[in-house]
Amino acid sequence: MSDTTALTISVTTHYLPAHSAPDANQYQLAYTITLENHSEQPMQLLERYWLITDGNEKITEVAGEGVIGKQPTLQVGERFNYTSGAMLETPVGTMQGHYLMRNEDGSEFKAPIPPFLLAVEGALH
């Protein structure tokens, strides 16, 4: 199993109307990421990189250490999940990116996060 397939990444998203102001083109969307270690050794999440694109094709890049202030270590078979958010100027956008991971043996790899949709309910109809 390659490093990039040893980590499963799944995403769910939802719109936060109470934190949004559509009249001011501010749409707050939350995403919950679940990471699961399927490798034969522990691995640690070191860094994140996000490419966020709104419906006007405005691109925002976000990079930094860890996620939500943590650099979690996932033991073999362990899951870690967290919720964060993105503010868009349009009711629909996408996110994609990668995590920089370090295996217990010190080797590092980038775990790709395929594009996922951020959308206000009903915006795609």
PDB file of N, CA and C in Angstrom:
ATOM      1  N   MET A   1       0.851  -1.181   0.000  1.00  0.00           N
ATOM      2  CA  MET A   1       0.000   0.000   0.000  1.00  0.00           C
ATOM      3  C   MET A   1       0.893   1.239   0.000  1.00  0.00           C
ATOM      4  N   SER A   2       0.684   2.127  -0.958  1.00  0.00           N
ATOM      5  CA  SER A   2       1.491   3.352  -1.008  1.00  0.00           C
ATOM      6  C   SER A   2       1.063   4.288   0.105  1.00  0.00           C
ATOM      7  N   ASP A   3       1.938   5.240   0.427  1.00  0.00           N
ATOM      8  CA  ASP A   3       1.624   6.193   1.488  1.00  0.00           C
ATOM      9  C   ASP A   3       0.326   6.933   1.210  1.00  0.00           C
ATOM     10  N   THR A   4       0.128   7.335  -0.055  1.00  0.00           N
ATOM     11  CA  THR A   4      -1.046   8.155  -0.359  1.00  0.00           C
ATOM     12  C   THR A   4      -2.347   7.365  -0.270  1.00  0.00           C
ATOM     13  N   THR A   5      -2.305   6.034  -0.410  1.00  0.00           N
ATOM     14  CA  THR A   5      -3.523   5.239  -0.256  1.00  0.00           C
ATOM     15  C   THR A   5      -3.663   4.723   1.172  1.00  0.00           C
ATOM     16  N   ALA A   6      -2.626   4.893   1.987  1.00  0.00           N
ATOM     17  CA  ALA A   6      -2.665   4.435   3.367  1.00  0.00           C
ATOM     18  C   ALA A   6      -3.488   5.373   4.248  1.00  0.00           C
ATOM     19  N   LEU A   7      -3.815   6.542   3.726  1.00  0.00           N
ATOM     20  CA  LEU A   7      -4.596   7.522   4.468  1.00  0.00           C
ATOM     21  C   LEU A   7      -5.883   7.794   3.707  1.00  0.00           C
ATOM     22  N   THR A   8      -7.014   7.480   4.325  1.00  0.00           N
ATOM     23  CA  THR A   8      -8.304   7.779   3.716  1.00  0.00           C
ATOM     24  C   THR A   8      -8.777   9.128   4.224  1.00  0.00           C
ATOM     25  N   ILE A   9      -9.219   9.979   3.297  1.00  0.00           N
ATOM     26  CA  ILE A   9      -9.708  11.309   3.640  1.00  0.00           C
ATOM     27  C   ILE A   9     -11.138  11.423   3.119  1.00  0.00           C
ATOM     28  N   SER A  10     -12.079  11.713   4.017  1.00  0.00           N
ATOM     29  CA  SER A  10     -13.464  11.924   3.581  1.00  0.00           C
ATOM     30  C   SER A  10     -13.943  13.281   4.095  1.00  0.00           C
ATOM     31  N   VAL A  11     -14.906  13.853   3.375  1.00  0.00           N
ATOM     32  CA  VAL A  11     -15.353  15.214   3.648  1.00  0.00           C
ATOM     33  C   VAL A  11     -16.875  15.289   3.625  1.00  0.00           C
ATOM     34  N   THR A  12     -17.438  16.026   4.581  1.00  0.00           N
ATOM     35  CA  THR A  12     -18.834  16.429   4.519  1.00  0.00           C
ATOM     36  C   THR A  12     -18.868  17.945   4.687  1.00  0.00           C
ATOM     37  N   THR A  13     -19.869  18.585   4.091  1.00  0.00           N
ATOM     38  CA  THR A  13     -19.958  20.041   4.150  1.00  0.00           C
ATOM     39  C   THR A  13     -21.380  20.464   4.502  1.00  0.00           C
ATOM     40  N   HIS A  14     -21.511  21.668   5.048  1.00  0.00           N
ATOM     41  CA  HIS A  14     -22.833  22.249   5.236  1.00  0.00           C
ATOM     42  C   HIS A  14     -22.730  23.765   5.351  1.00  0.00           C
ATOM     43  N   TYR A  15     -23.821  24.394   4.964  1.00  0.00           N
ATOM     44  CA  TYR A  15     -23.945  25.852   4.951  1.00  0.00           C
ATOM     45  C   TYR A  15     -24.341  26.340   6.338  1.00  0.00           C
ATOM     46  N   LEU A  16     -23.785  27.479   6.753  1.00  0.00           N
ATOM     47  CA  LEU A  16     -24.085  28.071   8.054  1.00  0.00           C
ATOM     48  C   LEU A  16     -24.812  29.411   7.851  1.00  0.00           C
ATOM     49  N   PRO A  17     -26.128  29.371   7.658  1.00  0.00           N
ATOM     50  CA  PRO A  17     -26.858  30.614   7.368  1.00  0.00           C
ATOM     51  C   PRO A  17     -26.758  31.644   8.485  1.00  0.00           C
ATOM     52  N   ALA A  18     -26.669  31.217   9.746  1.00  0.00           N
ATOM     53  CA  ALA A  18     -26.605  32.167  10.858  1.00  0.00           C
ATOM     54  C   ALA A  18     -25.299  32.969  10.864  1.00  0.00           C
ATOM     55  N   HIS A  19     -24.278  32.467  10.163  1.00  0.00           N
ATOM     56  CA  HIS A  19     -22.979  33.137  10.103  1.00  0.00           C
ATOM     57  C   HIS A  19     -22.720  33.754   8.729  1.00  0.00           C
ATOM     58  N   SER A  20     -23.756  33.818   7.920  1.00  0.00           N
ATOM     59  CA  SER A  20     -23.634  34.313   6.552  1.00  0.00           C
ATOM     60  C   SER A  20     -24.418  35.612   6.385  1.00  0.00           C
ATOM     61  N   ALA A  21     -24.053  36.354   5.346  1.00  0.00           N
ATOM     62  CA  ALA A  21     -24.764  37.585   4.987  1.00  0.00           C
ATOM     63  C   ALA A  21     -24.875  37.635   3.468  1.00  0.00           C
ATOM     64  N   PRO A  22     -25.829  36.879   2.903  1.00  0.00           N
ATOM     65  CA  PRO A  22     -25.951  36.822   1.438  1.00  0.00           C
ATOM     66  C   PRO A  22     -26.058  38.192   0.774  1.00  0.00           C
ATOM     67  N   ASP A  23     -26.727  39.149   1.428  1.00  0.00           N
ATOM     68  CA  ASP A  23     -26.845  40.491   0.848  1.00  0.00           C
ATOM     69  C   ASP A  23     -25.492  41.175   0.708  1.00  0.00           C
ATOM     70  N   ALA A  24     -24.518  40.735   1.497  1.00  0.00           N
ATOM     71  CA  ALA A  24     -23.158  41.283   1.442  1.00  0.00           C
ATOM     72  C   ALA A  24     -22.192  40.299   0.768  1.00  0.00           C
ATOM     73  N   ASN A  25     -22.737  39.291   0.063  1.00  0.00           N
ATOM     74  CA  ASN A  25     -21.926  38.278  -0.616  1.00  0.00           C
ATOM     75  C   ASN A  25     -20.968  37.574   0.345  1.00  0.00           C
ATOM     76  N   GLN A  26     -21.500  37.167   1.490  1.00  0.00           N
ATOM     77  CA  GLN A  26     -20.713  36.404   2.463  1.00  0.00           C
ATOM     78  C   GLN A  26     -21.474  35.126   2.796  1.00  0.00           C
ATOM     79  N   TYR A  27     -20.893  34.005   2.386  1.00  0.00           N
ATOM     80  CA  TYR A  27     -21.494  32.699   2.585  1.00  0.00           C
ATOM     81  C   TYR A  27     -20.519  31.846   3.396  1.00  0.00           C
ATOM     82  N   GLN A  28     -20.881  31.535   4.640  1.00  0.00           N
ATOM     83  CA  GLN A  28     -20.019  30.733   5.506  1.00  0.00           C
ATOM     84  C   GLN A  28     -20.402  29.269   5.354  1.00  0.00           C
ATOM     85  N   LEU A  29     -19.432  28.457   4.986  1.00  0.00           N
ATOM     86  CA  LEU A  29     -19.654  27.022   4.837  1.00  0.00           C
ATOM     87  C   LEU A  29     -18.677  26.280   5.733  1.00  0.00           C
ATOM     88  N   ALA A  30     -19.174  25.216   6.353  1.00  0.00           N
ATOM     89  CA  ALA A  30     -18.336  24.393   7.220  1.00  0.00           C
ATOM     90  C   ALA A  30     -18.019  23.092   6.501  1.00  0.00           C
ATOM     91  N   TYR A  31     -16.862  22.537   6.824  1.00  0.00           N
ATOM     92  CA  TYR A  31     -16.498  21.226   6.299  1.00  0.00           C
ATOM     93  C   TYR A  31     -15.927  20.401   7.443  1.00  0.00           C
ATOM     94  N   THR A  32     -16.282  19.127   7.434  1.00  0.00           N
ATOM     95  CA  THR A  32     -15.746  18.185   8.409  1.00  0.00           C
ATOM     96  C   THR A  32     -14.914  17.170   7.650  1.00  0.00           C
ATOM     97  N   ILE A  33     -13.668  17.050   8.066  1.00  0.00           N
ATOM     98  CA  ILE A  33     -12.726  16.123   7.438  1.00  0.00           C
ATOM     99  C   ILE A  33     -12.494  14.953   8.388  1.00  0.00           C
ATOM    100  N   THR A  34     -12.529  13.740   7.848  1.00  0.00           N
ATOM    101  CA  THR A  34     -12.180  12.547   8.615  1.00  0.00           C
ATOM    102  C   THR A  34     -10.971  11.905   7.945  1.00  0.00           C
ATOM    103  N   LEU A  35      -9.925  11.700   8.733  1.00  0.00           N
ATOM    104  CA  LEU A  35      -8.707  11.037   8.272  1.00  0.00           C
ATOM    105  C   LEU A  35      -8.646   9.668   8.935  1.00  0.00           C
ATOM    106  N   GLU A  36      -8.293   8.644   8.174  1.00  0.00           N
ATOM    107  CA  GLU A  36      -8.166   7.305   8.743  1.00  0.00           C
ATOM    108  C   GLU A  36      -6.866   6.674   8.271  1.00  0.00           C
ATOM    109  N   ASN A  37      -6.064   6.214   9.225  1.00  0.00           N
ATOM    110  CA  ASN A  37      -4.751   5.622   8.941  1.00  0.00           C
ATOM    111  C   ASN A  37      -4.898   4.127   8.662  1.00  0.00           C
ATOM    112  N   HIS A  38      -4.673   3.739   7.398  1.00  0.00           N
ATOM    113  CA  HIS A  38      -4.734   2.330   6.997  1.00  0.00           C
ATOM    114  C   HIS A  38      -3.339   1.747   6.797  1.00  0.00           C
ATOM    115  N   SER A  39      -2.301   2.479   7.202  1.00  0.00           N
ATOM    116  CA  SER A  39      -0.936   1.996   6.987  1.00  0.00           C
ATOM    117  C   SER A  39      -0.528   1.051   8.114  1.00  0.00           C
ATOM    118  N   GLU A  40       0.728   0.664   8.098  1.00  0.00           N
ATOM    119  CA  GLU A  40       1.246  -0.256   9.108  1.00  0.00           C
ATOM    120  C   GLU A  40       2.068   0.469  10.153  1.00  0.00           C
ATOM    121  N   GLN A  41       1.998   1.819  10.150  1.00  0.00           N
ATOM    122  CA  GLN A  41       2.731   2.587  11.156  1.00  0.00           C
ATOM    123  C   GLN A  41       1.978   3.884  11.449  1.00  0.00           C
ATOM    124  N   PRO A  42       2.210   4.463  12.618  1.00  0.00           N
ATOM    125  CA  PRO A  42       1.597   5.749  12.929  1.00  0.00           C
ATOM    126  C   PRO A  42       2.059   6.827  11.958  1.00  0.00           C
ATOM    127  N   MET A  43       1.225   7.850  11.788  1.00  0.00           N
ATOM    128  CA  MET A  43       1.594   8.986  10.936  1.00  0.00           C
ATOM    129  C   MET A  43       1.069  10.265  11.568  1.00  0.00           C
ATOM    130  N   GLN A  44       1.792  11.369  11.335  1.00  0.00           N
ATOM    131  CA  GLN A  44       1.418  12.652  11.902  1.00  0.00           C
ATOM    132  C   GLN A  44       1.117  13.649  10.803  1.00  0.00           C
ATOM    133  N   LEU A  45       0.067  14.433  10.995  1.00  0.00           N
ATOM    134  CA  LEU A  45      -0.276  15.509  10.073  1.00  0.00           C
ATOM    135  C   LEU A  45       0.567  16.728  10.463  1.00  0.00           C
ATOM    136  N   LEU A  46       1.418  17.181   9.546  1.00  0.00           N
ATOM    137  CA  LEU A  46       2.311  18.303   9.823  1.00  0.00           C
ATOM    138  C   LEU A  46       1.775  19.633   9.307  1.00  0.00           C
ATOM    139  N   GLU A  47       1.314  19.624   8.043  1.00  0.00           N
ATOM    140  CA  GLU A  47       0.902  20.872   7.397  1.00  0.00           C
ATOM    141  C   GLU A  47      -0.320  20.632   6.531  1.00  0.00           C
ATOM    142  N   ARG A  48      -1.010  21.747   6.212  1.00  0.00           N
ATOM    143  CA  ARG A  48      -2.149  21.678   5.303  1.00  0.00           C
ATOM    144  C   ARG A  48      -1.956  22.726   4.213  1.00  0.00           C
ATOM    145  N   TYR A  49      -2.541  22.437   3.059  1.00  0.00           N
ATOM    146  CA  TYR A  49      -2.590  23.399   1.956  1.00  0.00           C
ATOM    147  C   TYR A  49      -3.970  23.297   1.347  1.00  0.00           C
ATOM    148  N   TRP A  50      -4.638  24.458   1.193  1.00  0.00           N
ATOM    149  CA  TRP A  50      -5.966  24.512   0.574  1.00  0.00           C
ATOM    150  C   TRP A  50      -5.954  25.484  -0.591  1.00  0.00           C
ATOM    151  N   LEU A  51      -6.645  25.103  -1.633  1.00  0.00           N
ATOM    152  CA  LEU A  51      -6.923  25.962  -2.775  1.00  0.00           C
ATOM    153  C   LEU A  51      -8.449  26.088  -2.821  1.00  0.00           C
ATOM    154  N   ILE A  52      -8.949  27.277  -2.518  1.00  0.00           N
ATOM    155  CA  ILE A  52     -10.390  27.520  -2.438  1.00  0.00           C
ATOM    156  C   ILE A  52     -10.780  28.401  -3.624  1.00  0.00           C
ATOM    157  N   THR A  53     -11.774  27.958  -4.387  1.00  0.00           N
ATOM    158  CA  THR A  53     -12.224  28.692  -5.563  1.00  0.00           C
ATOM    159  C   THR A  53     -13.713  28.969  -5.425  1.00  0.00           C
ATOM    160  N   ASP A  54     -14.106  30.242  -5.533  1.00  0.00           N
ATOM    161  CA  ASP A  54     -15.531  30.546  -5.442  1.00  0.00           C
ATOM    162  C   ASP A  54     -16.165  30.525  -6.830  1.00  0.00           C
ATOM    163  N   GLY A  55     -17.454  30.813  -6.896  1.00  0.00           N
ATOM    164  CA  GLY A  55     -18.188  30.761  -8.156  1.00  0.00           C
ATOM    165  C   GLY A  55     -17.753  31.805  -9.167  1.00  0.00           C
ATOM    166  N   ASN A  56     -17.035  32.833  -8.731  1.00  0.00           N
ATOM    167  CA  ASN A  56     -16.478  33.844  -9.636  1.00  0.00           C
ATOM    168  C   ASN A  56     -15.052  33.508 -10.055  1.00  0.00           C
ATOM    169  N   GLU A  57     -14.614  32.302  -9.690  1.00  0.00           N
ATOM    170  CA  GLU A  57     -13.258  31.819  -9.954  1.00  0.00           C
ATOM    171  C   GLU A  57     -12.193  32.608  -9.198  1.00  0.00           C
ATOM    172  N   LYS A  58     -12.604  33.269  -8.107  1.00  0.00           N
ATOM    173  CA  LYS A  58     -11.637  33.899  -7.211  1.00  0.00           C
ATOM    174  C   LYS A  58     -10.962  32.789  -6.412  1.00  0.00           C
ATOM    175  N   ILE A  59      -9.634  32.804  -6.398  1.00  0.00           N
ATOM    176  CA  ILE A  59      -8.864  31.752  -5.747  1.00  0.00           C
ATOM    177  C   ILE A  59      -8.240  32.291  -4.466  1.00  0.00           C
ATOM    178  N   THR A  60      -8.368  31.505  -3.407  1.00  0.00           N
ATOM    179  CA  THR A  60      -7.720  31.802  -2.136  1.00  0.00           C
ATOM    180  C   THR A  60      -6.885  30.592  -1.761  1.00  0.00           C
ATOM    181  N   GLU A  61      -5.633  30.827  -1.381  1.00  0.00           N
ATOM    182  CA  GLU A  61      -4.765  29.752  -0.928  1.00  0.00           C
ATOM    183  C   GLU A  61      -4.556  29.896   0.571  1.00  0.00           C
ATOM    184  N   VAL A  62      -4.618  28.763   1.271  1.00  0.00           N
ATOM    185  CA  VAL A  62      -4.399  28.738   2.712  1.00  0.00           C
ATOM    186  C   VAL A  62      -3.387  27.633   2.995  1.00  0.00           C
ATOM    187  N   ALA A  63      -2.334  27.966   3.729  1.00  0.00           N
ATOM    188  CA  ALA A  63      -1.323  26.975   4.080  1.00  0.00           C
ATOM    189  C   ALA A  63      -0.852  27.243   5.499  1.00  0.00           C
ATOM    190  N   GLY A  64      -0.427  26.195   6.166  1.00  0.00           N
ATOM    191  CA  GLY A  64       0.097  26.387   7.506  1.00  0.00           C
ATOM    192  C   GLY A  64       0.302  25.070   8.223  1.00  0.00           C
ATOM    193  N   GLU A  65       0.757  25.197   9.450  1.00  0.00           N
ATOM    194  CA  GLU A  65       0.998  24.013  10.262  1.00  0.00           C
ATOM    195  C   GLU A  65      -0.310  23.419  10.746  1.00  0.00           C
ATOM    196  N   GLY A  66      -0.398  22.100  10.684  1.00  0.00           N
ATOM    197  CA  GLY A  66      -1.500  21.374  11.274  1.00  0.00           C
ATOM    198  C   GLY A  66      -2.877  21.803  10.813  1.00  0.00           C
ATOM    199  N   VAL A  67      -3.867  21.399  11.605  1.00  0.00           N
ATOM    200  CA  VAL A  67      -5.266  21.757  11.380  1.00  0.00           C
ATOM    201  C   VAL A  67      -5.876  22.124  12.726  1.00  0.00           C
ATOM    202  N   ILE A  68      -6.691  23.139  12.752  1.00  0.00           N
ATOM    203  CA  ILE A  68      -7.345  23.655  13.965  1.00  0.00           C
ATOM    204  C   ILE A  68      -6.387  23.721  15.161  1.00  0.00           C
ATOM    205  N   GLY A  69      -5.156  24.143  14.886  1.00  0.00           N
ATOM    206  CA  GLY A  69      -4.177  24.306  15.947  1.00  0.00           C
ATOM    207  C   GLY A  69      -3.524  23.022  16.437  1.00  0.00           C
ATOM    208  N   LYS A  70      -3.728  21.935  15.728  1.00  0.00           N
ATOM    209  CA  LYS A  70      -3.182  20.640  16.147  1.00  0.00           C
ATOM    210  C   LYS A  70      -2.360  20.019  15.024  1.00  0.00           C
ATOM    211  N   GLN A  71      -1.415  19.179  15.415  1.00  0.00           N
ATOM    212  CA  GLN A  71      -0.674  18.331  14.489  1.00  0.00           C
ATOM    213  C   GLN A  71      -0.872  16.891  14.958  1.00  0.00           C
ATOM    214  N   PRO A  72      -2.058  16.347  14.696  1.00  0.00           N
ATOM    215  CA  PRO A  72      -2.407  15.047  15.291  1.00  0.00           C
ATOM    216  C   PRO A  72      -1.586  13.892  14.738  1.00  0.00           C
ATOM    217  N   THR A  73      -1.325  12.925  15.607  1.00  0.00           N
ATOM    218  CA  THR A  73      -0.722  11.663  15.204  1.00  0.00           C
ATOM    219  C   THR A  73      -1.824  10.615  15.190  1.00  0.00           C
ATOM    220  N   LEU A  74      -1.918   9.904  14.083  1.00  0.00           N
ATOM    221  CA  LEU A  74      -2.909   8.843  13.939  1.00  0.00           C
ATOM    222  C   LEU A  74      -2.211   7.504  14.092  1.00  0.00           C
ATOM    223  N   GLN A  75      -2.617   6.758  15.088  1.00  0.00           N
ATOM    224  CA  GLN A  75      -2.090   5.412  15.252  1.00  0.00           C
ATOM    225  C   GLN A  75      -2.671   4.519  14.152  1.00  0.00           C
ATOM    226  N   VAL A  76      -2.110   3.345  13.967  1.00  0.00           N
ATOM    227  CA  VAL A  76      -2.595   2.409  12.953  1.00  0.00           C
ATOM    228  C   VAL A  76      -4.077   2.129  13.209  1.00  0.00           C
ATOM    229  N   GLY A  77      -4.902   2.321  12.182  1.00  0.00           N
ATOM    230  CA  GLY A  77      -6.334   2.074  12.276  1.00  0.00           C
ATOM    231  C   GLY A  77      -7.121   3.195  12.925  1.00  0.00           C
ATOM    232  N   GLU A  78      -6.451   4.242  13.386  1.00  0.00           N
ATOM    233  CA  GLU A  78      -7.130   5.323  14.096  1.00  0.00           C
ATOM    234  C   GLU A  78      -7.725   6.342  13.135  1.00  0.00           C
ATOM    235  N   ARG A  79      -8.810   6.974  13.592  1.00  0.00           N
ATOM    236  CA  ARG A  79      -9.455   8.069  12.853  1.00  0.00           C
ATOM    237  C   ARG A  79      -9.272   9.374  13.618  1.00  0.00           C
ATOM    238  N   PHE A  80      -9.213  10.451  12.855  1.00  0.00           N
ATOM    239  CA  PHE A  80      -9.200  11.796  13.435  1.00  0.00           C
ATOM    240  C   PHE A  80     -10.129  12.633  12.587  1.00  0.00           C
ATOM    241  N   ASN A  81     -11.023  13.403  13.234  1.00  0.00           N
ATOM    242  CA  ASN A  81     -11.849  14.304  12.440  1.00  0.00           C
ATOM    243  C   ASN A  81     -11.872  15.674  13.086  1.00  0.00           C
ATOM    244  N   TYR A  82     -12.111  16.651  12.234  1.00  0.00           N
ATOM    245  CA  TYR A  82     -12.198  18.031  12.694  1.00  0.00           C
ATOM    246  C   TYR A  82     -13.127  18.794  11.765  1.00  0.00           C
ATOM    247  N   THR A  83     -13.629  19.910  12.279  1.00  0.00           N
ATOM    248  CA  THR A  83     -14.497  20.773  11.489  1.00  0.00           C
ATOM    249  C   THR A  83     -13.884  22.162  11.423  1.00  0.00           C
ATOM    250  N   SER A  84     -13.911  22.743  10.244  1.00  0.00           N
ATOM    251  CA  SER A  84     -13.433  24.099  10.035  1.00  0.00           C
ATOM    252  C   SER A  84     -14.375  24.757   9.036  1.00  0.00           C
ATOM    253  N   GLY A  85     -14.007  25.924   8.540  1.00  0.00           N
ATOM    254  CA  GLY A  85     -14.920  26.603   7.644  1.00  0.00           C
ATOM    255  C   GLY A  85     -14.221  27.480   6.633  1.00  0.00           C
ATOM    256  N   ALA A  86     -15.002  27.925   5.669  1.00  0.00           N
ATOM    257  CA  ALA A  86     -14.529  28.829   4.624  1.00  0.00           C
ATOM    258  C   ALA A  86     -15.632  29.844   4.341  1.00  0.00           C
ATOM    259  N   MET A  87     -15.209  31.074   4.140  1.00  0.00           N
ATOM    260  CA  MET A  87     -16.152  32.137   3.763  1.00  0.00           C
ATOM    261  C   MET A  87     -15.999  32.374   2.266  1.00  0.00           C
ATOM    262  N   LEU A  88     -17.097  32.258   1.540  1.00  0.00           N
ATOM    263  CA  LEU A  88     -17.089  32.489   0.097  1.00  0.00           C
ATOM    264  C   LEU A  88     -17.878  33.756  -0.218  1.00  0.00           C
ATOM    265  N   GLU A  89     -17.579  34.348  -1.373  1.00  0.00           N
ATOM    266  CA  GLU A  89     -18.333  35.505  -1.852  1.00  0.00           C
ATOM    267  C   GLU A  89     -19.478  35.084  -2.766  1.00  0.00           C
ATOM    268  N   THR A  90     -19.577  33.789  -3.050  1.00  0.00           N
ATOM    269  CA  THR A  90     -20.637  33.243  -3.900  1.00  0.00           C
ATOM    270  C   THR A  90     -21.249  32.038  -3.175  1.00  0.00           C
ATOM    271  N   PRO A  91     -22.474  31.629  -3.548  1.00  0.00           N
ATOM    272  CA  PRO A  91     -23.110  30.509  -2.850  1.00  0.00           C
ATOM    273  C   PRO A  91     -22.537  29.138  -3.210  1.00  0.00           C
ATOM    274  N   VAL A  92     -21.626  29.087  -4.178  1.00  0.00           N
ATOM    275  CA  VAL A  92     -21.036  27.812  -4.589  1.00  0.00           C
ATOM    276  C   VAL A  92     -19.531  28.003  -4.787  1.00  0.00           C
ATOM    277  N   GLY A  93     -18.762  27.004  -4.364  1.00  0.00           N
ATOM    278  CA  GLY A  93     -17.321  27.022  -4.583  1.00  0.00           C
ATOM    279  C   GLY A  93     -16.761  25.624  -4.406  1.00  0.00           C
ATOM    280  N   THR A  94     -15.455  25.520  -4.535  1.00  0.00           N
ATOM    281  CA  THR A  94     -14.787  24.238  -4.341  1.00  0.00           C
ATOM    282  C   THR A  94     -13.546  24.428  -3.478  1.00  0.00           C
ATOM    283  N   MET A  95     -13.125  23.336  -2.862  1.00  0.00           N
ATOM    284  CA  MET A  95     -11.869  23.289  -2.131  1.00  0.00           C
ATOM    285  C   MET A  95     -11.125  22.033  -2.547  1.00  0.00           C
ATOM    286  N   GLN A  96      -9.812  22.132  -2.540  1.00  0.00           N
ATOM    287  CA  GLN A  96      -8.948  20.978  -2.763  1.00  0.00           C
ATOM    288  C   GLN A  96      -7.598  21.302  -2.144  1.00  0.00           C
ATOM    289  N   GLY A  97      -6.765  20.304  -2.015  1.00  0.00           N
ATOM    290  CA  GLY A  97      -5.458  20.579  -1.437  1.00  0.00           C
ATOM    291  C   GLY A  97      -4.713  19.314  -1.072  1.00  0.00           C
ATOM    292  N   HIS A  98      -3.910  19.422  -0.005  1.00  0.00           N
ATOM    293  CA  HIS A  98      -3.175  18.255   0.483  1.00  0.00           C
ATOM    294  C   HIS A  98      -2.737  18.478   1.929  1.00  0.00           C
ATOM    295  N   TYR A  99      -2.420  17.371   2.571  1.00  0.00           N
ATOM    296  CA  TYR A  99      -1.791  17.387   3.885  1.00  0.00           C
ATOM    297  C   TYR A  99      -0.377  16.865   3.723  1.00  0.00           C
ATOM    298  N   LEU A 100       0.561  17.466   4.426  1.00  0.00           N
ATOM    299  CA  LEU A 100       1.906  16.916   4.508  1.00  0.00           C
ATOM    300  C   LEU A 100       1.926  16.020   5.735  1.00  0.00           C
ATOM    301  N   MET A 101       2.216  14.745   5.516  1.00  0.00           N
ATOM    302  CA  MET A 101       2.195  13.739   6.572  1.00  0.00           C
ATOM    303  C   MET A 101       3.608  13.201   6.800  1.00  0.00           C
ATOM    304  N   ARG A 102       3.880  12.789   8.039  1.00  0.00           N
ATOM    305  CA  ARG A 102       5.155  12.144   8.358  1.00  0.00           C
ATOM    306  C   ARG A 102       4.864  10.796   9.001  1.00  0.00           C
ATOM    307  N   ASN A 103       5.439   9.750   8.405  1.00  0.00           N
ATOM    308  CA  ASN A 103       5.332   8.413   8.972  1.00  0.00           C
ATOM    309  C   ASN A 103       6.250   8.292  10.186  1.00  0.00           C
ATOM    310  N   GLU A 104       5.990   7.275  10.998  1.00  0.00           N
ATOM    311  CA  GLU A 104       6.814   7.037  12.184  1.00  0.00           C
ATOM    312  C   GLU A 104       8.282   6.833  11.827  1.00  0.00           C
ATOM    313  N   ASP A 105       8.545   6.284  10.624  1.00  0.00           N
ATOM    314  CA  ASP A 105       9.932   6.058  10.209  1.00  0.00           C
ATOM    315  C   ASP A 105      10.620   7.338   9.726  1.00  0.00           C
ATOM    316  N   GLY A 106       9.901   8.475   9.758  1.00  0.00           N
ATOM    317  CA  GLY A 106      10.487   9.757   9.373  1.00  0.00           C
ATOM    318  C   GLY A 106      10.236  10.153   7.930  1.00  0.00           C
ATOM    319  N   SER A 107       9.743   9.230   7.108  1.00  0.00           N
ATOM    320  CA  SER A 107       9.460   9.571   5.715  1.00  0.00           C
ATOM    321  C   SER A 107       8.222  10.459   5.659  1.00  0.00           C
ATOM    322  N   GLU A 108       8.200  11.361   4.685  1.00  0.00           N
ATOM    323  CA  GLU A 108       7.077  12.283   4.532  1.00  0.00           C
ATOM    324  C   GLU A 108       6.408  12.085   3.185  1.00  0.00           C
ATOM    325  N   PHE A 109       5.132  12.402   3.127  1.00  0.00           N
ATOM    326  CA  PHE A 109       4.398  12.321   1.864  1.00  0.00           C
ATOM    327  C   PHE A 109       3.258  13.326   1.890  1.00  0.00           C
ATOM    328  N   LYS A 110       2.838  13.722   0.691  1.00  0.00           N
ATOM    329  CA  LYS A 110       1.677  14.595   0.550  1.00  0.00           C
ATOM    330  C   LYS A 110       0.458  13.720   0.283  1.00  0.00           C
ATOM    331  N   ALA A 111      -0.560  13.891   1.126  1.00  0.00           N
ATOM    332  CA  ALA A 111      -1.821  13.169   0.953  1.00  0.00           C
ATOM    333  C   ALA A 111      -2.792  14.104   0.238  1.00  0.00           C
ATOM    334  N   PRO A 112      -3.130  13.811  -1.024  1.00  0.00           N
ATOM    335  CA  PRO A 112      -4.008  14.713  -1.772  1.00  0.00           C
ATOM    336  C   PRO A 112      -5.438  14.708  -1.235  1.00  0.00           C
ATOM    337  N   ILE A 113      -6.048  15.893  -1.259  1.00  0.00           N
ATOM    338  CA  ILE A 113      -7.458  16.038  -0.909  1.00  0.00           C
ATOM    339  C   ILE A 113      -8.159  16.419  -2.206  1.00  0.00           C
ATOM    340  N   PRO A 114      -8.897  15.479  -2.810  1.00  0.00           N
ATOM    341  CA  PRO A 114      -9.553  15.770  -4.085  1.00  0.00           C
ATOM    342  C   PRO A 114     -10.544  16.925  -3.942  1.00  0.00           C
ATOM    343  N   PRO A 115     -10.857  17.604  -5.040  1.00  0.00           N
ATOM    344  CA  PRO A 115     -11.813  18.713  -4.977  1.00  0.00           C
ATOM    345  C   PRO A 115     -13.151  18.275  -4.384  1.00  0.00           C
ATOM    346  N   PHE A 116     -13.715  19.143  -3.550  1.00  0.00           N
ATOM    347  CA  PHE A 116     -15.053  18.900  -3.039  1.00  0.00           C
ATOM    348  C   PHE A 116     -15.844  20.203  -3.116  1.00  0.00           C
ATOM    349  N   LEU A 117     -17.156  20.047  -3.169  1.00  0.00           N
ATOM    350  CA  LEU A 117     -18.070  21.154  -3.387  1.00  0.00           C
ATOM    351  C   LEU A 117     -18.465  21.812  -2.082  1.00  0.00           C
ATOM    352  N   LEU A 118     -18.454  23.126  -2.072  1.00  0.00           N
ATOM    353  CA  LEU A 118     -19.025  23.936  -0.994  1.00  0.00           C
ATOM    354  C   LEU A 118     -20.228  24.640  -1.615  1.00  0.00           C
ATOM    355  N   ALA A 119     -21.425  24.389  -1.092  1.00  0.00           N
ATOM    356  CA  ALA A 119     -22.605  24.989  -1.729  1.00  0.00           C
ATOM    357  C   ALA A 119     -23.715  25.235  -0.723  1.00  0.00           C
ATOM    358  N   VAL A 120     -24.368  26.373  -0.905  1.00  0.00           N
ATOM    359  CA  VAL A 120     -25.578  26.677  -0.156  1.00  0.00           C
ATOM    360  C   VAL A 120     -26.662  25.749  -0.684  1.00  0.00           C
ATOM    361  N   GLU A 121     -27.447  25.169   0.224  1.00  0.00           N
ATOM    362  CA  GLU A 121     -28.520  24.278  -0.204  1.00  0.00           C
ATOM    363  C   GLU A 121     -29.411  24.991  -1.220  1.00  0.00           C
ATOM    364  N   GLY A 122     -29.670  24.325  -2.331  1.00  0.00           N
ATOM    365  CA  GLY A 122     -30.524  24.887  -3.360  1.00  0.00           C
ATOM    366  C   GLY A 122     -29.807  25.745  -4.379  1.00  0.00           C
ATOM    367  N   ALA A 123     -28.517  26.028  -4.173  1.00  0.00           N
ATOM    368  CA  ALA A 123     -27.781  26.908  -5.076  1.00  0.00           C
ATOM    369  C   ALA A 123     -27.502  26.268  -6.437  1.00  0.00           C
ATOM    370  N   LEU A 124     -27.563  24.958  -6.505  1.00  0.00           N
ATOM    371  CA  LEU A 124     -27.238  24.265  -7.753  1.00  0.00           C
ATOM    372  C   LEU A 124     -28.461  23.909  -8.571  1.00  0.00           C
ATOM    373  N   HIS A 125     -29.627  24.293  -8.121  1.00  0.00           N
ATOM    374  CA  HIS A 125     -30.864  23.933  -8.846  1.00  0.00           C
ATOM    375  C   HIS A 125     -31.187  24.951  -9.908  1.00  0.00           C
TER     376      HIS A 125
END
